[in-house]
Amino acid sequence: MTISQKSLQVFIAFGLLYAILLLTENTTLTWYLKPLLLPFLFYAVVKSESYETKKWLLSALFFSWIGDCILLFADKGELYFIFGLVSFLIAHLLFIILFTKQKSENKHFKNGAFWLGFMAVIGYLVSMLSLLLPTLGDLKIPVSIYAFTISIMLIIALKGAVNWKNNAKYLVFIGALFFVISDSILALDKFYSPIESASYSIMITYLIAQFCITKGILDLNQKE
């Protein structure tokens, strides 16, 4: 087993521990543990073989980690939430670049499933903004930009699920989908209506998203 694979396994173990602590509402330990999670994925990528898109994955994980750390202080003021939003916006832009630069074929134009998925994402975007815009106040523009960006990220991952050769492409798409689910729960809970056990749902879907994208990209670029 490689160091990269071991690091992924440690991430899973810590993620399960984190999930248990969330369920038991151990807020002190979860606060300290949260910044320690993504570094295991980062280290797994660092120790993986060299490939063209490696720097983009590392950059996306880094800005995600910055966002994680900033949002630990979100209860201190709105500014922390905005800076966290900006960090994750940059991370999603880097994921878009990462997905775009993966070697692929152009089969999506003739694929009916892709266009159905495309329309579903557009429907999601319109529905979310219709719900949230009346409640966003001064955050209308930044949240709209963020929603538009994560929708593009999901569409590019969907395109990859059609165009990329390795079956790991489905893992990347699942990761992108869980990322959108996580962000959607956060947005609905914060701006629309409180959701029961929101913090648990947000973090579990987020950790699944980051793991699936990282593992998927590593497998896509694994040398035969």
Protein backbone atom coordinates (compact mmCIF):
# COMPACT_ATOMS: atom_id res chain seq x y z
CA MET A 1 0.00 0.00 0.00
CA THR A 2 1.37 3.43 -0.96
CA ILE A 3 1.70 6.42 1.39
CA SER A 4 -1.02 8.15 -0.65
CA GLN A 5 -3.46 5.27 -0.09
CA LYS A 6 -2.65 5.15 3.63
CA SER A 7 -3.31 8.88 3.91
CA LEU A 8 -6.73 8.41 2.29
CA GLN A 9 -7.52 5.66 4.81
CA VAL A 10 -6.50 7.88 7.72
CA PHE A 11 -8.81 10.58 6.34
CA ILE A 12 -11.71 8.09 6.36
CA ALA A 13 -10.90 7.08 9.95
CA PHE A 14 -10.71 10.68 11.13
CA GLY A 15 -13.85 11.51 9.17
CA LEU A 16 -15.77 8.74 10.95
CA LEU A 17 -14.48 9.97 14.31
CA TYR A 18 -15.52 13.50 13.39
CA ALA A 19 -19.00 12.26 12.40
CA ILE A 20 -19.42 10.50 15.76
CA LEU A 21 -18.34 13.64 17.62
CA LEU A 22 -20.85 15.68 15.61
CA LEU A 23 -23.64 13.24 16.46
CA THR A 24 -22.77 13.44 20.16
CA GLU A 25 -22.63 17.26 19.86
CA ASN A 26 -19.09 17.44 21.17
CA THR A 27 -18.56 20.93 19.79
CA THR A 28 -15.20 21.56 21.43
CA LEU A 29 -13.48 18.52 19.90
CA THR A 30 -15.13 18.99 16.48
CA TRP A 31 -13.94 22.61 16.46
CA TYR A 32 -10.32 21.51 16.93
CA LEU A 33 -10.56 18.44 14.69
CA LYS A 34 -12.10 20.13 11.64
CA PRO A 35 -8.87 21.84 10.42
CA LEU A 36 -7.01 18.52 10.69
CA LEU A 37 -9.20 16.63 8.20
CA LEU A 38 -8.35 17.98 4.73
CA PRO A 39 -4.56 17.91 5.29
CA PHE A 40 -4.76 14.10 5.00
CA LEU A 41 -6.27 14.44 1.51
CA PHE A 42 -3.70 17.12 0.67
CA TYR A 43 -0.87 14.82 1.80
CA ALA A 44 -2.34 11.94 -0.23
CA VAL A 45 -2.16 14.11 -3.35
CA VAL A 46 1.36 15.35 -2.52
CA LYS A 47 2.56 11.74 -2.24
CA SER A 48 0.80 10.60 -5.43
CA GLU A 49 2.54 10.19 -8.77
CA SER A 50 3.16 13.29 -10.86
CA TYR A 51 0.45 14.21 -13.37
CA GLU A 52 -0.62 17.33 -15.27
CA THR A 53 -3.54 18.43 -13.07
CA LYS A 54 -1.96 17.68 -9.68
CA LYS A 55 -1.25 21.33 -8.85
CA TRP A 56 -4.88 22.27 -9.50
CA LEU A 57 -6.17 19.59 -7.12
CA LEU A 58 -3.69 20.68 -4.45
CA SER A 59 -4.73 24.32 -4.89
CA ALA A 60 -8.44 23.48 -4.67
CA LEU A 61 -7.90 21.46 -1.48
CA PHE A 62 -5.77 24.25 0.01
CA PHE A 63 -8.42 26.94 -0.50
CA SER A 64 -11.07 24.54 0.80
CA TRP A 65 -8.98 24.12 3.94
CA ILE A 66 -8.64 27.89 4.28
CA GLY A 67 -12.43 28.13 4.00
CA ASP A 68 -12.83 25.45 6.69
CA CYS A 69 -10.59 27.39 9.07
CA ILE A 70 -12.27 30.76 8.44
CA LEU A 71 -15.78 29.37 8.90
CA LEU A 72 -14.81 28.14 12.37
CA PHE A 73 -15.25 31.79 13.37
CA ALA A 74 -18.47 32.43 11.42
CA ASP A 75 -20.38 33.02 14.65
CA LYS A 76 -18.06 35.95 15.43
CA GLY A 77 -19.42 38.06 12.58
CA GLU A 78 -20.77 38.15 9.02
CA LEU A 79 -17.35 39.08 7.66
CA TYR A 80 -15.97 35.63 8.53
CA PHE A 81 -18.80 34.00 6.57
CA ILE A 82 -18.07 36.22 3.55
CA PHE A 83 -14.33 35.45 3.64
CA GLY A 84 -15.15 31.75 3.97
CA LEU A 85 -17.49 32.05 1.00
CA VAL A 86 -14.72 33.70 -1.04
CA SER A 87 -12.26 30.92 -0.14
CA PHE A 88 -14.67 28.22 -1.26
CA LEU A 89 -15.55 30.23 -4.37
CA ILE A 90 -11.85 30.17 -5.31
CA ALA A 91 -11.74 26.44 -4.51
CA HIS A 92 -14.68 25.78 -6.84
CA LEU A 93 -13.07 27.82 -9.61
CA LEU A 94 -9.95 25.69 -9.17
CA PHE A 95 -12.06 22.51 -9.30
CA ILE A 96 -13.56 23.78 -12.57
CA ILE A 97 -10.07 24.31 -14.02
CA LEU A 98 -9.01 20.89 -12.69
CA PHE A 99 -11.97 19.11 -14.33
CA THR A 100 -11.53 21.05 -17.58
CA LYS A 101 -7.86 20.12 -17.86
CA GLN A 102 -8.44 16.37 -17.41
CA LYS A 103 -7.81 14.41 -20.61
CA SER A 104 -11.15 13.71 -22.24
CA GLU A 105 -13.10 12.99 -25.38
CA ASN A 106 -15.94 15.20 -26.61
CA LYS A 107 -18.86 12.77 -26.49
CA HIS A 108 -21.21 14.82 -24.30
CA PHE A 109 -22.75 16.79 -27.18
CA LYS A 110 -24.53 13.66 -28.43
CA ASN A 111 -25.29 12.19 -25.01
CA GLY A 112 -28.92 12.48 -23.91
CA ALA A 113 -28.11 11.80 -20.24
CA PHE A 114 -25.71 14.75 -20.20
CA TRP A 115 -28.36 17.16 -21.49
CA LEU A 116 -30.94 15.85 -19.01
CA GLY A 117 -28.41 16.40 -16.23
CA PHE A 118 -27.57 19.83 -17.62
CA MET A 119 -31.23 20.86 -17.50
CA ALA A 120 -31.55 19.45 -13.97
CA VAL A 121 -28.64 21.60 -12.78
CA ILE A 122 -30.14 24.70 -14.41
CA GLY A 123 -33.45 23.86 -12.72
CA TYR A 124 -31.65 23.52 -9.39
CA LEU A 125 -29.92 26.89 -9.82
CA VAL A 126 -33.14 28.72 -10.71
CA SER A 127 -35.05 27.08 -7.85
CA MET A 128 -32.38 27.82 -5.23
CA LEU A 129 -32.04 31.47 -6.23
CA SER A 130 -35.83 31.88 -6.33
CA LEU A 131 -36.00 30.64 -2.73
CA LEU A 132 -33.01 32.51 -1.38
CA LEU A 133 -32.88 35.89 -3.14
CA PRO A 134 -35.75 37.45 -1.13
CA THR A 135 -33.91 36.66 2.14
CA LEU A 136 -30.30 37.48 1.20
CA GLY A 137 -30.26 41.25 1.66
CA ASP A 138 -26.77 42.62 0.93
CA LEU A 139 -25.51 39.11 0.11
CA LYS A 140 -27.62 38.74 -3.05
CA ILE A 141 -24.71 39.22 -5.47
CA PRO A 142 -22.01 37.13 -3.71
CA VAL A 143 -24.38 34.22 -2.99
CA SER A 144 -25.72 34.33 -6.57
CA ILE A 145 -22.17 34.25 -7.95
CA TYR A 146 -21.37 31.33 -5.65
CA ALA A 147 -24.50 29.38 -6.67
CA PHE A 148 -23.72 29.99 -10.35
CA THR A 149 -20.11 28.80 -9.84
CA ILE A 150 -20.97 25.55 -8.05
CA SER A 151 -23.56 24.83 -10.75
CA ILE A 152 -20.88 25.21 -13.43
CA MET A 153 -18.58 22.95 -11.38
CA LEU A 154 -21.27 20.26 -11.29
CA ILE A 155 -21.95 20.58 -15.03
CA ILE A 156 -18.22 20.23 -15.83
CA ALA A 157 -18.06 17.15 -13.58
CA LEU A 158 -21.13 15.75 -15.37
CA LYS A 159 -19.40 16.39 -18.69
CA GLY A 160 -16.39 14.51 -17.35
CA ALA A 161 -18.60 11.58 -16.35
CA VAL A 162 -19.42 11.26 -20.05
CA ASN A 163 -16.05 12.13 -21.58
CA TRP A 164 -13.39 10.69 -19.26
CA LYS A 165 -12.28 7.11 -19.88
CA ASN A 166 -11.66 5.67 -16.40
CA ASN A 167 -14.64 4.58 -14.25
CA ALA A 168 -13.24 6.86 -11.52
CA LYS A 169 -15.02 9.62 -13.45
CA TYR A 170 -18.25 8.61 -11.68
CA LEU A 171 -16.56 9.08 -8.31
CA VAL A 172 -15.58 12.63 -9.26
CA PHE A 173 -19.14 13.38 -10.36
CA ILE A 174 -20.56 11.96 -7.12
CA GLY A 175 -18.12 14.17 -5.21
CA ALA A 176 -19.21 17.27 -7.12
CA LEU A 177 -22.86 16.37 -6.50
CA PHE A 178 -22.30 15.96 -2.76
CA PHE A 179 -20.48 19.30 -2.72
CA VAL A 180 -23.55 20.99 -4.17
CA ILE A 181 -25.80 19.16 -1.69
CA SER A 182 -23.60 20.29 1.22
CA ASP A 183 -23.58 23.93 0.09
CA SER A 184 -27.33 23.83 -0.54
CA ILE A 185 -28.08 22.57 2.98
CA LEU A 186 -25.85 25.31 4.40
CA ALA A 187 -27.56 28.02 2.32
CA LEU A 188 -31.09 26.84 3.12
CA ASP A 189 -30.32 26.53 6.82
CA LYS A 190 -28.68 29.96 7.03
CA PHE A 191 -30.89 32.03 4.75
CA TYR A 192 -34.24 30.26 4.32
CA SER A 193 -35.32 28.04 7.23
CA PRO A 194 -33.38 26.22 10.01
CA ILE A 195 -32.77 22.54 9.24
CA GLU A 196 -32.56 19.95 12.00
CA SER A 197 -29.02 18.57 12.45
CA ALA A 198 -27.85 20.89 9.66
CA SER A 199 -24.21 21.03 10.81
CA TYR A 200 -24.00 17.23 10.75
CA SER A 201 -25.53 16.95 7.26
CA ILE A 202 -23.39 19.78 5.92
CA MET A 203 -20.10 18.33 7.15
CA ILE A 204 -20.79 14.69 6.27
CA THR A 205 -21.79 15.53 2.69
CA TYR A 206 -18.82 17.91 2.47
CA LEU A 207 -16.30 15.28 3.62
CA ILE A 208 -17.79 12.71 1.21
CA ALA A 209 -17.48 15.30 -1.57
CA GLN A 210 -13.84 16.10 -0.91
CA PHE A 211 -12.89 12.42 -0.57
CA CYS A 212 -14.70 11.34 -3.76
CA ILE A 213 -13.23 14.16 -5.85
CA THR A 214 -9.69 13.56 -4.54
CA LYS A 215 -9.84 9.77 -4.86
CA GLY A 216 -11.50 10.03 -8.28
CA ILE A 217 -8.89 12.42 -9.67
CA LEU A 218 -6.05 10.30 -8.29
CA ASP A 219 -7.51 7.18 -9.89
CA LEU A 220 -8.15 8.97 -13.19
CA ASN A 221 -4.49 9.94 -13.38
CA GLN A 222 -3.04 6.66 -12.13
CA LYS A 223 -0.43 5.37 -14.55
CA GLU A 224 -1.17 1.95 -16.03
